[in-house]
Amino acid sequence: MAEARDPFEETHRWSNKACLGYAILAADRIGLTEEQEHELLGTLQYVMDMNTIEKAEQTYLDY
């Protein structure tokens, strides 16, 4: 018998590219300059490389 899949998990799969896209959309919405957006995206990519998804999730939950 196949293991049941969690539809919530399937629709919320992790993607660094999607995360960066959300950051660009948010930066545009609040009016960051192009230079600020580049700094944000560079820092975000570094933070994603240096931390686990679990750590990021816990940081959000603790916020």
Protein backbone atom coordinates (compact mmCIF):
# COMPACT_ATOMS: atom_id res chain seq x y z
CA MET A 1 0.00 0.00 0.00
CA ALA A 2 1.37 3.43 -0.95
CA GLU A 3 2.17 5.93 1.77
CA ALA A 4 -0.38 8.76 2.00
CA ARG A 5 0.90 12.11 0.79
CA ASP A 6 0.30 15.35 2.62
CA PRO A 7 -1.18 17.79 0.05
CA PHE A 8 -0.10 20.77 2.19
CA GLU A 9 3.53 19.67 2.01
CA GLU A 10 3.34 19.17 -1.74
CA THR A 11 2.00 22.68 -2.34
CA HIS A 12 4.55 24.27 -0.02
CA ARG A 13 7.73 22.65 -1.34
CA TRP A 14 10.89 24.62 -0.78
CA SER A 15 12.52 26.47 -3.64
CA ASN A 16 15.35 28.98 -3.25
CA LYS A 17 14.33 30.55 -6.55
CA ALA A 18 10.74 31.00 -5.36
CA CYS A 19 12.01 32.50 -2.09
CA LEU A 20 14.19 34.96 -4.02
CA GLY A 21 11.21 35.79 -6.23
CA TYR A 22 9.07 36.54 -3.17
CA ALA A 23 11.86 38.78 -1.86
CA ILE A 24 11.98 40.70 -5.16
CA LEU A 25 8.19 41.13 -5.13
CA ALA A 26 8.27 42.39 -1.53
CA ALA A 27 11.22 44.71 -2.23
CA ASP A 28 9.39 46.20 -5.23
CA ARG A 29 6.24 46.62 -3.16
CA ILE A 30 8.02 48.64 -0.44
CA GLY A 31 10.03 50.66 -2.92
CA LEU A 32 13.59 49.45 -2.37
CA THR A 33 16.13 50.83 -4.81
CA GLU A 34 17.82 48.49 -7.28
CA GLU A 35 20.99 48.68 -5.18
CA GLN A 36 19.06 47.77 -2.02
CA GLU A 37 17.38 44.87 -3.83
CA HIS A 38 20.75 43.50 -4.95
CA GLU A 39 22.09 43.77 -1.39
CA LEU A 40 18.99 42.03 -0.03
CA LEU A 41 19.18 39.21 -2.59
CA GLY A 42 22.91 38.67 -2.05
CA THR A 43 22.45 38.54 1.70
CA LEU A 44 19.45 36.24 1.38
CA GLN A 45 21.40 33.83 -0.84
CA TYR A 46 24.26 33.80 1.68
CA VAL A 47 21.88 33.16 4.58
CA MET A 48 20.18 30.32 2.68
CA ASP A 49 23.59 28.74 2.03
CA MET A 50 24.69 29.04 5.66
CA ASN A 51 21.52 27.85 7.44
CA THR A 52 19.11 24.95 7.28
CA ILE A 53 15.47 25.20 6.26
CA GLU A 54 14.59 24.07 9.78
CA LYS A 55 16.60 26.94 11.32
CA ALA A 56 14.90 29.44 9.01
CA GLU A 57 11.47 28.06 9.88
CA GLN A 58 12.20 28.20 13.61
CA THR A 59 13.47 31.77 13.26
CA TYR A 60 10.17 32.72 11.63
CA LEU A 61 8.12 30.92 14.29
CA ASP A 62 10.07 32.70 17.04
CA TYR A 63 9.57 36.12 15.38
